[in-house]
C-alpha cells in the first residue's frame, strides 16, 4: 500500500479520475438545478425546501473540487471534501436501497441510472481513490498545497 501512496503517476491518475468525475457530474447539475433538486427530493432525506439550496450549492462544490484535483491546487482540502461527499452519497444510496426506492441516483454521470449495489461499489472506489490522494507521500505536480 505504501508503494501505491508514494507513486507519483498513480496518485496523479487518481486525481484525474476523481477530479474528472466531479467535473463531469457537476455540468448537468449546474445547468439544470431544478431537475437535480427533484432527484435530491426523491431520496426523502432532507427537510422540505432544503433540497433547492443543496441543488444550487453542491454542484459548484463538485466543480471546484474537480478543478482543484485536476490542476493540483489545495489537494488536501479537495481530497477531504471529496471523501466527505462520497461518504454522504454512499449513505444516501444505501438509505434509498434499504427503503426500497427505485429512483434515479441523480449522480449526473449516466442518464437514468437507478440506485443500486453497482452505484455503491463505484462510489466506494472513488472514496478509496480520494483517500489515497489524501494519504499520498509524494506531492509532485501540485500547486500551493496547505497540509492539514
N, C-alpha and C. Protein backbone atom coordinates (compact mmCIF):
# COMPACT_ATOMS: atom_id res chain seq x y z
N UNK A 1 0.82 -1.19 0.00
CA UNK A 1 0.00 0.00 0.00
C UNK A 1 0.87 1.26 0.00
N UNK A 2 1.97 1.23 0.74
CA UNK A 2 2.85 2.41 0.77
C UNK A 2 3.43 2.72 -0.60
N UNK A 3 3.69 1.68 -1.40
CA UNK A 3 4.23 1.91 -2.73
C UNK A 3 3.20 2.64 -3.60
N UNK A 4 1.93 2.29 -3.45
CA UNK A 4 0.87 2.97 -4.20
C UNK A 4 0.80 4.44 -3.80
N UNK A 5 0.83 4.69 -2.48
CA UNK A 5 0.70 6.05 -1.99
C UNK A 5 1.90 6.92 -2.32
N UNK A 6 3.05 6.30 -2.62
CA UNK A 6 4.23 7.08 -2.95
C UNK A 6 4.47 7.19 -4.45
N UNK A 7 3.66 6.52 -5.26
CA UNK A 7 3.82 6.57 -6.70
C UNK A 7 3.20 7.84 -7.26
N UNK A 8 4.02 8.69 -7.86
CA UNK A 8 3.55 9.96 -8.42
C UNK A 8 2.49 9.74 -9.49
N UNK A 9 2.73 8.79 -10.38
CA UNK A 9 1.83 8.60 -11.51
C UNK A 9 0.48 8.01 -11.10
N UNK A 10 0.49 7.09 -10.14
CA UNK A 10 -0.77 6.51 -9.68
C UNK A 10 -1.62 7.57 -8.99
N UNK A 11 -1.01 8.38 -8.15
CA UNK A 11 -1.75 9.45 -7.47
C UNK A 11 -2.22 10.49 -8.48
N UNK A 12 -1.40 10.82 -9.45
CA UNK A 12 -1.81 11.77 -10.50
C UNK A 12 -3.00 11.21 -11.28
N UNK A 13 -2.94 9.92 -11.61
CA UNK A 13 -4.05 9.26 -12.30
C UNK A 13 -5.32 9.31 -11.44
N UNK A 14 -5.19 9.01 -10.14
CA UNK A 14 -6.34 9.05 -9.24
C UNK A 14 -6.94 10.45 -9.18
N UNK A 15 -6.06 11.47 -9.13
CA UNK A 15 -6.55 12.86 -9.11
C UNK A 15 -7.35 13.17 -10.37
N UNK A 16 -6.86 12.73 -11.53
CA UNK A 16 -7.57 12.99 -12.78
C UNK A 16 -8.90 12.23 -12.84
N UNK A 17 -8.92 11.00 -12.35
CA UNK A 17 -10.16 10.22 -12.37
C UNK A 17 -11.20 10.87 -11.47
N UNK A 18 -10.86 11.09 -10.20
CA UNK A 18 -11.83 11.66 -9.25
C UNK A 18 -12.20 13.09 -9.66
N UNK A 19 -11.21 13.89 -10.02
CA UNK A 19 -11.48 15.25 -10.45
C UNK A 19 -12.35 15.30 -11.69
N UNK A 20 -12.07 14.43 -12.64
CA UNK A 20 -12.86 14.36 -13.87
C UNK A 20 -14.30 13.95 -13.61
N UNK A 21 -14.47 13.00 -12.71
CA UNK A 21 -15.83 12.55 -12.35
C UNK A 21 -16.61 13.70 -11.74
N UNK A 22 -15.99 14.42 -10.80
CA UNK A 22 -16.68 15.55 -10.17
C UNK A 22 -16.99 16.65 -11.19
N UNK A 23 -16.04 16.98 -12.06
CA UNK A 23 -16.31 18.00 -13.07
C UNK A 23 -17.45 17.59 -13.98
N UNK A 24 -17.37 16.38 -14.52
CA UNK A 24 -18.40 15.91 -15.45
C UNK A 24 -19.78 15.87 -14.77
N UNK A 25 -19.82 15.38 -13.54
CA UNK A 25 -21.09 15.28 -12.83
C UNK A 25 -21.68 16.65 -12.52
N UNK A 26 -20.84 17.65 -12.36
CA UNK A 26 -21.33 18.98 -11.99
C UNK A 26 -21.98 19.72 -13.15
N UNK A 27 -21.58 19.46 -14.38
CA UNK A 27 -22.05 20.25 -15.51
C UNK A 27 -23.57 20.24 -15.66
N UNK A 28 -24.18 19.06 -15.72
CA UNK A 28 -25.63 18.98 -15.90
C UNK A 28 -26.38 19.52 -14.69
N UNK A 29 -25.82 19.29 -13.51
CA UNK A 29 -26.47 19.78 -12.27
C UNK A 29 -26.45 21.30 -12.21
N UNK A 30 -25.36 21.91 -12.66
CA UNK A 30 -25.28 23.37 -12.68
C UNK A 30 -26.26 23.93 -13.71
N UNK A 31 -26.34 23.27 -14.86
CA UNK A 31 -27.22 23.74 -15.93
C UNK A 31 -28.70 23.53 -15.62
N UNK A 32 -29.02 22.48 -14.85
CA UNK A 32 -30.42 22.13 -14.56
C UNK A 32 -30.64 21.91 -13.06
N UNK A 33 -30.54 22.97 -12.25
CA UNK A 33 -30.69 22.79 -10.81
C UNK A 33 -32.08 22.30 -10.39
N UNK A 34 -33.11 22.62 -11.15
CA UNK A 34 -34.46 22.15 -10.81
C UNK A 34 -34.57 20.64 -10.90
N UNK A 35 -34.03 20.07 -11.98
CA UNK A 35 -34.06 18.62 -12.13
C UNK A 35 -33.22 17.94 -11.05
N UNK A 36 -32.10 18.55 -10.71
CA UNK A 36 -31.27 17.98 -9.65
C UNK A 36 -31.98 18.06 -8.30
N UNK A 37 -32.70 19.16 -8.05
CA UNK A 37 -33.46 19.29 -6.80
C UNK A 37 -34.52 18.19 -6.70
N UNK A 38 -35.17 17.85 -7.82
CA UNK A 38 -36.16 16.76 -7.81
C UNK A 38 -35.49 15.42 -7.52
N UNK A 39 -34.28 15.23 -8.05
CA UNK A 39 -33.54 13.98 -7.76
C UNK A 39 -33.21 13.90 -6.28
N UNK A 40 -32.80 15.02 -5.70
CA UNK A 40 -32.48 15.05 -4.27
C UNK A 40 -33.74 14.77 -3.46
N UNK A 41 -34.85 15.36 -3.87
CA UNK A 41 -36.13 15.19 -3.15
C UNK A 41 -36.56 13.72 -3.14
N UNK A 42 -36.26 12.98 -4.20
CA UNK A 42 -36.65 11.57 -4.29
C UNK A 42 -36.04 10.71 -3.19
N UNK A 43 -34.94 11.15 -2.60
CA UNK A 43 -34.30 10.40 -1.52
C UNK A 43 -35.03 10.56 -0.19
N UNK A 44 -35.83 11.61 -0.04
CA UNK A 44 -36.58 11.88 1.19
C UNK A 44 -35.67 11.90 2.42
N UNK A 45 -34.55 12.60 2.32
CA UNK A 45 -33.60 12.67 3.43
C UNK A 45 -33.46 14.07 4.00
N UNK A 46 -33.85 15.09 3.23
CA UNK A 46 -33.67 16.47 3.68
C UNK A 46 -35.02 17.09 4.02
N UNK A 47 -35.02 18.04 4.94
CA UNK A 47 -36.27 18.75 5.24
C UNK A 47 -36.78 19.47 3.99
N UNK A 48 -38.10 19.61 3.91
CA UNK A 48 -38.74 20.24 2.77
C UNK A 48 -38.12 21.61 2.49
N UNK A 49 -37.78 21.87 1.26
CA UNK A 49 -37.23 23.16 0.84
C UNK A 49 -35.71 23.21 0.83
N UNK A 50 -35.06 22.37 1.61
CA UNK A 50 -33.60 22.39 1.67
C UNK A 50 -32.96 21.81 0.41
N UNK A 51 -33.70 20.96 -0.29
CA UNK A 51 -33.13 20.35 -1.50
C UNK A 51 -32.81 21.40 -2.57
N UNK A 52 -33.56 22.51 -2.59
CA UNK A 52 -33.26 23.57 -3.57
C UNK A 52 -31.90 24.20 -3.30
N UNK A 53 -31.63 24.48 -2.03
CA UNK A 53 -30.34 25.06 -1.68
C UNK A 53 -29.20 24.09 -1.99
N UNK A 54 -29.38 22.83 -1.65
CA UNK A 54 -28.36 21.81 -1.92
C UNK A 54 -28.15 21.67 -3.43
N UNK A 55 -29.24 21.73 -4.21
CA UNK A 55 -29.13 21.59 -5.66
C UNK A 55 -28.38 22.76 -6.30
N UNK A 56 -28.34 23.89 -5.64
CA UNK A 56 -27.60 25.03 -6.17
C UNK A 56 -26.15 25.01 -5.71
N UNK A 57 -25.91 24.63 -4.46
CA UNK A 57 -24.56 24.71 -3.89
C UNK A 57 -23.69 23.48 -4.21
N UNK A 58 -24.24 22.28 -4.07
CA UNK A 58 -23.45 21.05 -4.22
C UNK A 58 -22.75 20.93 -5.59
N UNK A 59 -23.43 21.23 -6.70
CA UNK A 59 -22.72 21.10 -7.98
C UNK A 59 -21.50 22.02 -8.10
N UNK A 60 -21.58 23.20 -7.50
CA UNK A 60 -20.43 24.11 -7.54
C UNK A 60 -19.29 23.59 -6.68
N UNK A 61 -19.63 22.96 -5.56
CA UNK A 61 -18.58 22.34 -4.74
C UNK A 61 -17.91 21.22 -5.54
N UNK A 62 -18.73 20.38 -6.21
CA UNK A 62 -18.17 19.32 -7.04
C UNK A 62 -17.28 19.91 -8.14
N UNK A 63 -17.72 20.99 -8.75
CA UNK A 63 -16.96 21.64 -9.82
C UNK A 63 -15.60 22.10 -9.32
N UNK A 64 -15.57 22.83 -8.20
CA UNK A 64 -14.31 23.37 -7.71
C UNK A 64 -13.40 22.28 -7.13
N UNK A 65 -13.96 21.26 -6.51
CA UNK A 65 -13.15 20.13 -6.05
C UNK A 65 -12.52 19.42 -7.24
N UNK A 66 -13.30 19.22 -8.30
CA UNK A 66 -12.76 18.61 -9.51
C UNK A 66 -11.62 19.41 -10.11
N UNK A 67 -11.81 20.73 -10.20
CA UNK A 67 -10.74 21.59 -10.73
C UNK A 67 -9.49 21.51 -9.86
N UNK A 68 -9.69 21.57 -8.54
CA UNK A 68 -8.54 21.53 -7.62
C UNK A 68 -7.76 20.23 -7.77
N UNK A 69 -8.47 19.11 -7.88
CA UNK A 69 -7.78 17.82 -8.02
C UNK A 69 -7.04 17.73 -9.35
N UNK A 70 -7.65 18.17 -10.40
CA UNK A 70 -7.02 18.06 -11.72
C UNK A 70 -5.82 19.00 -11.84
N UNK A 71 -5.98 20.24 -11.37
CA UNK A 71 -4.90 21.21 -11.53
C UNK A 71 -3.90 21.20 -10.38
N UNK A 72 -4.14 20.37 -9.36
CA UNK A 72 -3.17 20.20 -8.29
C UNK A 72 -3.12 21.35 -7.31
N UNK A 73 -4.25 21.98 -7.07
CA UNK A 73 -4.30 23.13 -6.17
C UNK A 73 -5.04 22.75 -4.90
N UNK A 74 -4.41 22.92 -3.75
CA UNK A 74 -5.02 22.61 -2.44
C UNK A 74 -5.58 21.19 -2.40
N UNK A 75 -4.73 20.24 -2.72
CA UNK A 75 -5.13 18.84 -2.85
C UNK A 75 -5.68 18.26 -1.54
N UNK A 76 -5.04 18.57 -0.41
CA UNK A 76 -5.52 18.00 0.86
C UNK A 76 -6.98 18.37 1.12
N UNK A 77 -7.30 19.63 0.97
CA UNK A 77 -8.68 20.08 1.20
C UNK A 77 -9.64 19.48 0.20
N UNK A 78 -9.24 19.45 -1.07
CA UNK A 78 -10.10 18.88 -2.10
C UNK A 78 -10.34 17.39 -1.84
N UNK A 79 -9.31 16.67 -1.42
CA UNK A 79 -9.46 15.24 -1.14
C UNK A 79 -10.36 15.01 0.07
N UNK A 80 -10.23 15.84 1.10
CA UNK A 80 -11.10 15.70 2.27
C UNK A 80 -12.56 15.98 1.91
N UNK A 81 -12.80 17.02 1.15
CA UNK A 81 -14.17 17.33 0.73
C UNK A 81 -14.71 16.21 -0.15
N UNK A 82 -13.86 15.70 -1.03
CA UNK A 82 -14.26 14.59 -1.90
C UNK A 82 -14.65 13.37 -1.07
N UNK A 83 -13.85 13.04 -0.06
CA UNK A 83 -14.19 11.90 0.80
C UNK A 83 -15.51 12.13 1.52
N UNK A 84 -15.73 13.34 2.01
CA UNK A 84 -16.98 13.65 2.69
C UNK A 84 -18.18 13.51 1.77
N UNK A 85 -18.06 14.02 0.55
CA UNK A 85 -19.17 13.90 -0.40
C UNK A 85 -19.42 12.44 -0.75
N UNK A 86 -18.36 11.68 -0.98
CA UNK A 86 -18.53 10.26 -1.31
C UNK A 86 -19.20 9.49 -0.17
N UNK A 87 -18.81 9.79 1.06
CA UNK A 87 -19.44 9.12 2.19
C UNK A 87 -20.92 9.48 2.26
N UNK A 88 -21.25 10.75 2.03
CA UNK A 88 -22.65 11.16 2.05
C UNK A 88 -23.43 10.48 0.92
N UNK A 89 -22.83 10.40 -0.28
CA UNK A 89 -23.51 9.75 -1.40
C UNK A 89 -23.75 8.27 -1.10
N UNK A 90 -22.77 7.61 -0.49
CA UNK A 90 -22.91 6.20 -0.13
C UNK A 90 -24.03 6.02 0.89
N UNK A 91 -24.09 6.90 1.87
CA UNK A 91 -25.16 6.82 2.88
C UNK A 91 -26.52 7.04 2.22
N UNK A 92 -26.63 8.03 1.35
CA UNK A 92 -27.91 8.33 0.69
C UNK A 92 -28.37 7.16 -0.18
N UNK A 93 -27.46 6.60 -0.95
CA UNK A 93 -27.83 5.48 -1.83
C UNK A 93 -28.19 4.25 -1.01
N UNK A 94 -27.42 3.97 0.04
CA UNK A 94 -27.74 2.84 0.91
C UNK A 94 -29.11 3.01 1.53
N UNK A 95 -29.41 4.22 2.00
CA UNK A 95 -30.72 4.50 2.59
C UNK A 95 -31.84 4.26 1.58
N UNK A 96 -31.65 4.71 0.35
CA UNK A 96 -32.66 4.52 -0.69
C UNK A 96 -32.86 3.04 -0.99
N UNK A 97 -31.77 2.29 -1.06
CA UNK A 97 -31.87 0.85 -1.33
C UNK A 97 -32.62 0.15 -0.20
N UNK A 98 -32.24 0.46 1.04
CA UNK A 98 -32.86 -0.20 2.20
C UNK A 98 -34.35 0.14 2.33
N UNK A 99 -34.74 1.32 1.88
CA UNK A 99 -36.16 1.71 1.95
C UNK A 99 -36.93 1.28 0.71
N UNK A 100 -36.25 0.61 -0.22
CA UNK A 100 -36.91 0.06 -1.39
C UNK A 100 -37.22 1.06 -2.49
N UNK A 101 -36.54 2.19 -2.50
CA UNK A 101 -36.78 3.19 -3.54
C UNK A 101 -36.13 2.75 -4.85
N UNK A 102 -36.85 2.86 -5.91
CA UNK A 102 -36.34 2.56 -7.25
C UNK A 102 -36.25 3.88 -8.00
N UNK A 103 -35.23 4.68 -7.64
CA UNK A 103 -35.13 6.05 -8.14
C UNK A 103 -33.84 6.27 -8.92
N UNK A 104 -33.86 7.30 -9.75
CA UNK A 104 -32.66 7.75 -10.45
C UNK A 104 -31.69 8.25 -9.39
N UNK A 105 -30.42 7.88 -9.51
CA UNK A 105 -29.46 8.26 -8.47
C UNK A 105 -29.19 9.76 -8.44
N UNK A 106 -29.40 10.47 -9.55
CA UNK A 106 -29.15 11.90 -9.57
C UNK A 106 -27.68 12.25 -9.58
N UNK A 107 -26.85 11.29 -9.96
CA UNK A 107 -25.41 11.45 -9.91
C UNK A 107 -24.88 12.40 -10.98
N UNK A 108 -25.57 12.46 -12.10
CA UNK A 108 -25.11 13.29 -13.20
C UNK A 108 -24.11 12.60 -14.10
N UNK A 109 -23.88 11.32 -13.88
CA UNK A 109 -22.89 10.59 -14.68
C UNK A 109 -23.53 9.88 -15.86
N UNK A 110 -24.61 9.14 -15.61
CA UNK A 110 -25.32 8.43 -16.67
C UNK A 110 -26.81 8.72 -16.50
N UNK A 111 -27.45 9.07 -17.59
CA UNK A 111 -28.88 9.41 -17.57
C UNK A 111 -29.69 8.20 -17.14
N UNK A 112 -30.56 8.39 -16.16
CA UNK A 112 -31.48 7.36 -15.73
C UNK A 112 -30.87 6.23 -14.93
N UNK A 113 -29.70 6.40 -14.36
CA UNK A 113 -29.07 5.34 -13.58
C UNK A 113 -29.81 5.18 -12.25
N UNK A 114 -30.28 3.99 -11.99
CA UNK A 114 -31.06 3.69 -10.80
C UNK A 114 -30.11 3.34 -9.65
N UNK A 115 -30.50 3.75 -8.43
CA UNK A 115 -29.67 3.42 -7.26
C UNK A 115 -29.58 1.91 -7.15
N UNK A 116 -28.40 1.43 -6.75
CA UNK A 116 -28.20 0.00 -6.62
C UNK A 116 -26.80 -0.31 -6.13
N UNK A 117 -26.53 -1.58 -6.00
CA UNK A 117 -25.24 -2.04 -5.49
C UNK A 117 -24.09 -1.59 -6.38
N UNK A 118 -24.27 -1.59 -7.69
CA UNK A 118 -23.19 -1.18 -8.58
C UNK A 118 -22.81 0.28 -8.34
N UNK A 119 -23.79 1.11 -8.06
CA UNK A 119 -23.53 2.52 -7.75
C UNK A 119 -22.76 2.64 -6.44
N UNK A 120 -23.10 1.82 -5.46
CA UNK A 120 -22.38 1.82 -4.17
C UNK A 120 -20.93 1.40 -4.36
N UNK A 121 -20.70 0.36 -5.15
CA UNK A 121 -19.34 -0.12 -5.38
C UNK A 121 -18.52 0.95 -6.10
N UNK A 122 -19.13 1.59 -7.09
CA UNK A 122 -18.42 2.65 -7.82
C UNK A 122 -18.06 3.81 -6.89
N UNK A 123 -19.01 4.24 -6.07
CA UNK A 123 -18.73 5.34 -5.13
C UNK A 123 -17.70 4.94 -4.08
N UNK A 124 -17.73 3.68 -3.65
CA UNK A 124 -16.71 3.20 -2.71
C UNK A 124 -15.33 3.24 -3.35
N UNK A 125 -15.26 2.94 -4.63
CA UNK A 125 -13.99 3.04 -5.36
C UNK A 125 -13.48 4.48 -5.41
N UNK A 126 -14.38 5.42 -5.67
CA UNK A 126 -13.99 6.83 -5.68
C UNK A 126 -13.59 7.30 -4.28
N UNK A 127 -14.26 6.77 -3.26
CA UNK A 127 -13.88 7.10 -1.88
C UNK A 127 -12.47 6.60 -1.59
N UNK A 128 -12.15 5.38 -2.03
CA UNK A 128 -10.80 4.85 -1.84
C UNK A 128 -9.77 5.70 -2.57
N UNK A 129 -10.06 6.09 -3.82
CA UNK A 129 -9.13 6.93 -4.57
C UNK A 129 -8.92 8.27 -3.87
N UNK A 130 -9.99 8.85 -3.35
CA UNK A 130 -9.89 10.12 -2.62
C UNK A 130 -9.02 9.95 -1.38
N UNK A 131 -9.20 8.83 -0.69
CA UNK A 131 -8.39 8.55 0.50
C UNK A 131 -6.91 8.40 0.11
N UNK A 132 -6.65 7.70 -0.99
CA UNK A 132 -5.27 7.52 -1.46
C UNK A 132 -4.64 8.87 -1.82
N UNK A 133 -5.42 9.74 -2.43
CA UNK A 133 -4.92 11.08 -2.76
C UNK A 133 -4.57 11.83 -1.48
N UNK A 134 -5.44 11.76 -0.50
CA UNK A 134 -5.20 12.47 0.75
C UNK A 134 -3.96 11.93 1.48
N UNK A 135 -3.78 10.62 1.45
CA UNK A 135 -2.69 9.96 2.18
C UNK A 135 -1.39 9.85 1.37
N UNK A 136 -1.33 10.47 0.21
CA UNK A 136 -0.18 10.36 -0.67
C UNK A 136 1.10 10.78 0.05
N UNK A 137 2.20 10.19 -0.37
CA UNK A 137 3.50 10.52 0.21
C UNK A 137 4.21 11.60 -0.60
N UNK A 138 3.97 11.59 -1.90
CA UNK A 138 4.68 12.49 -2.80
C UNK A 138 3.75 13.61 -3.25
N UNK A 139 4.22 14.83 -3.18
CA UNK A 139 3.39 15.97 -3.55
C UNK A 139 3.83 16.61 -4.87
N UNK A 140 4.34 15.80 -5.76
CA UNK A 140 4.73 16.31 -7.08
C UNK A 140 3.48 16.70 -7.85
N UNK A 141 3.65 17.60 -8.79
CA UNK A 141 2.58 18.07 -9.66
C UNK A 141 1.46 18.77 -8.88
N UNK A 142 1.85 19.51 -7.84
CA UNK A 142 0.87 20.23 -7.04
C UNK A 142 1.27 21.68 -6.91
N UNK A 143 0.27 22.53 -6.75
CA UNK A 143 0.50 23.97 -6.60
C UNK A 143 -0.14 24.41 -5.29
N UNK A 144 0.61 25.10 -4.48
CA UNK A 144 0.05 25.75 -3.29
C UNK A 144 -0.67 24.84 -2.33
N UNK A 145 -0.15 23.66 -2.07
CA UNK A 145 -0.83 22.78 -1.14
C UNK A 145 -0.56 23.20 0.30
N UNK A 146 -1.60 23.19 1.08
CA UNK A 146 -1.51 23.51 2.50
C UNK A 146 -1.81 22.24 3.26
N UNK A 147 -0.86 21.71 3.98
CA UNK A 147 -1.08 20.46 4.72
C UNK A 147 -2.06 20.67 5.84
N UNK A 148 -2.93 19.67 6.01
CA UNK A 148 -3.95 19.72 7.06
C UNK A 148 -3.45 18.99 8.28
